[in-house]
Protein backbone atom coordinates (compact mmCIF):
# COMPACT_ATOMS: atom_id res chain seq x y z
CA MET A 1 0.00 0.00 0.00
CA GLY A 2 1.38 3.42 -0.92
CA THR A 3 2.15 6.05 1.66
CA TYR A 4 -0.62 8.33 0.40
CA GLN A 5 -3.20 5.55 0.83
CA SER A 6 -1.81 4.62 4.23
CA GLU A 7 -1.95 8.21 5.47
CA ALA A 8 -5.52 8.58 4.22
CA LEU A 9 -6.65 5.37 5.90
CA ASP A 10 -4.82 6.29 9.11
CA ALA A 11 -6.43 9.74 9.07
CA LEU A 12 -9.89 8.21 8.74
CA GLY A 13 -9.17 5.83 11.61
CA ASP A 14 -10.17 8.55 14.07
CA PRO A 15 -13.94 8.88 14.61
CA THR A 16 -13.85 12.69 14.79
CA ARG A 17 -11.89 12.94 11.55
CA ARG A 18 -14.33 10.52 9.91
CA ALA A 19 -17.21 12.73 11.07
CA ILE A 20 -15.50 15.81 9.61
CA PHE A 21 -14.78 13.95 6.37
CA GLU A 22 -18.39 12.78 6.12
CA ARG A 23 -19.69 16.28 6.87
CA LEU A 24 -17.49 17.75 4.13
CA GLY A 25 -18.98 15.16 1.80
CA ARG A 26 -22.21 17.17 2.04
CA GLY A 27 -20.43 20.38 1.00
CA PRO A 28 -17.68 22.86 1.86
CA CYS A 29 -17.55 24.24 5.37
CA ALA A 30 -15.57 26.61 7.59
CA VAL A 31 -13.86 25.48 10.81
CA GLY A 32 -16.38 27.30 13.01
CA GLU A 33 -19.32 25.65 11.26
CA LEU A 34 -17.72 22.23 11.69
CA ALA A 35 -17.01 22.87 15.37
CA ALA A 36 -20.64 23.89 15.93
CA GLU A 37 -21.76 20.49 14.63
CA LEU A 38 -19.26 18.39 16.60
CA PRO A 39 -18.64 17.76 20.30
CA VAL A 40 -15.05 19.10 20.05
CA SER A 41 -13.50 22.55 20.25
CA ARG A 42 -12.66 24.74 17.29
CA PRO A 43 -8.88 24.26 17.87
CA ALA A 44 -9.44 20.47 17.92
CA VAL A 45 -11.33 20.65 14.61
CA SER A 46 -8.44 22.67 13.16
CA GLN A 47 -5.97 19.98 14.23
CA HIS A 48 -8.13 17.23 12.73
CA LEU A 49 -8.40 19.21 9.48
CA LYS A 50 -4.62 19.58 9.43
CA VAL A 51 -4.27 15.77 9.57
CA LEU A 52 -6.89 15.29 6.85
CA LYS A 53 -5.15 17.89 4.69
CA GLN A 54 -1.73 16.26 5.17
CA ALA A 55 -3.32 12.95 4.14
CA GLY A 56 -4.57 14.58 0.94
CA LEU A 57 -8.25 14.14 1.79
CA VAL A 58 -9.23 17.81 2.12
CA VAL A 59 -8.17 21.12 0.62
CA ASP A 60 -8.83 24.62 1.84
CA GLU A 61 -9.11 28.09 0.43
CA ALA A 62 -9.29 31.56 1.92
CA ALA A 63 -12.66 33.27 1.91
CA GLY A 64 -12.15 36.62 3.57
CA THR A 65 -10.96 35.91 7.11
CA ARG A 66 -12.15 32.31 7.05
CA ARG A 67 -10.76 29.15 5.54
CA ILE A 68 -13.26 26.98 3.71
CA TYR A 69 -12.53 23.25 3.64
CA ARG A 70 -13.78 20.79 1.04
CA LEU A 71 -13.01 17.21 0.08
CA ASN A 72 -10.07 16.71 -2.26
CA PRO A 73 -11.26 14.68 -5.29
CA ALA A 74 -7.71 13.42 -5.94
CA GLY A 75 -7.43 12.04 -2.40
CA ILE A 76 -10.82 10.37 -2.64
CA GLU A 77 -9.83 8.83 -5.98
CA VAL A 78 -6.76 7.27 -4.34
CA LEU A 79 -8.99 5.66 -1.70
CA ARG A 80 -11.51 4.52 -4.31
CA THR A 81 -8.75 2.93 -6.38
CA TYR A 82 -7.35 1.20 -3.30
CA PHE A 83 -10.71 -0.24 -2.26
CA THR A 84 -11.60 -1.26 -5.82
CA HIS A 85 -8.32 -3.17 -6.09
CA PHE A 86 -8.82 -4.67 -2.62
CA TRP A 87 -12.37 -5.77 -3.50
CA SER A 88 -11.32 -7.24 -6.85
CA THR A 89 -8.48 -9.18 -5.26
CA ALA A 90 -10.71 -10.49 -2.47
CA MET A 91 -13.43 -11.54 -4.90
CA SER A 92 -10.90 -13.28 -7.17
CA ALA A 93 -9.53 -15.22 -4.20
CA PHE A 94 -13.08 -16.16 -3.20
CA ARG A 95 -13.89 -17.31 -6.76
CA ASP A 96 -10.69 -19.38 -6.89
CA GLU A 97 -11.52 -21.02 -3.57
CA VAL A 98 -15.09 -21.83 -4.64
CA ASN A 99 -13.90 -23.32 -7.91
CA LYS A 100 -11.33 -25.65 -6.33
CA PRO A 101 -12.16 -29.33 -6.73
CA ALA A 102 -13.82 -30.74 -3.65
CA ARG A 103 -11.66 -32.94 -1.45
CA THR A 104 -13.30 -35.96 0.13
CA GLY A 105 -10.54 -36.66 2.58
CA GLU A 106 -9.97 -40.13 1.07
CA PRO A 107 -6.87 -40.91 -0.98
CA GLU A 108 -7.44 -41.13 -4.72
CA GLU A 109 -7.29 -44.57 -6.33
CA GLN A 110 -4.28 -45.18 -8.50
CA SER A 111 -4.44 -47.27 -11.69
């Protein structure tokens, strides 16, 4: 797994960061708005956003005196690619296991 994918998965391992990520999935938002919706302080939200940004999952832009955060499509694409590959590999392994000849536990007869 690449570093970018690992950082993104690690970042989403925290429930508060997942909540922020999911909220940003509904649309861009400022830190204060996020903090108002979560049971954590504004400085804590800022720290969580910093981790999500370092992981490539969110981007921000200045809007006057505020910073508006939104999901980063490139970061989401990396996760989607990772999970698609993971799913395909898992399903291939499952198919291969299902298609194996059944073993009866008895030795085969030899001619």
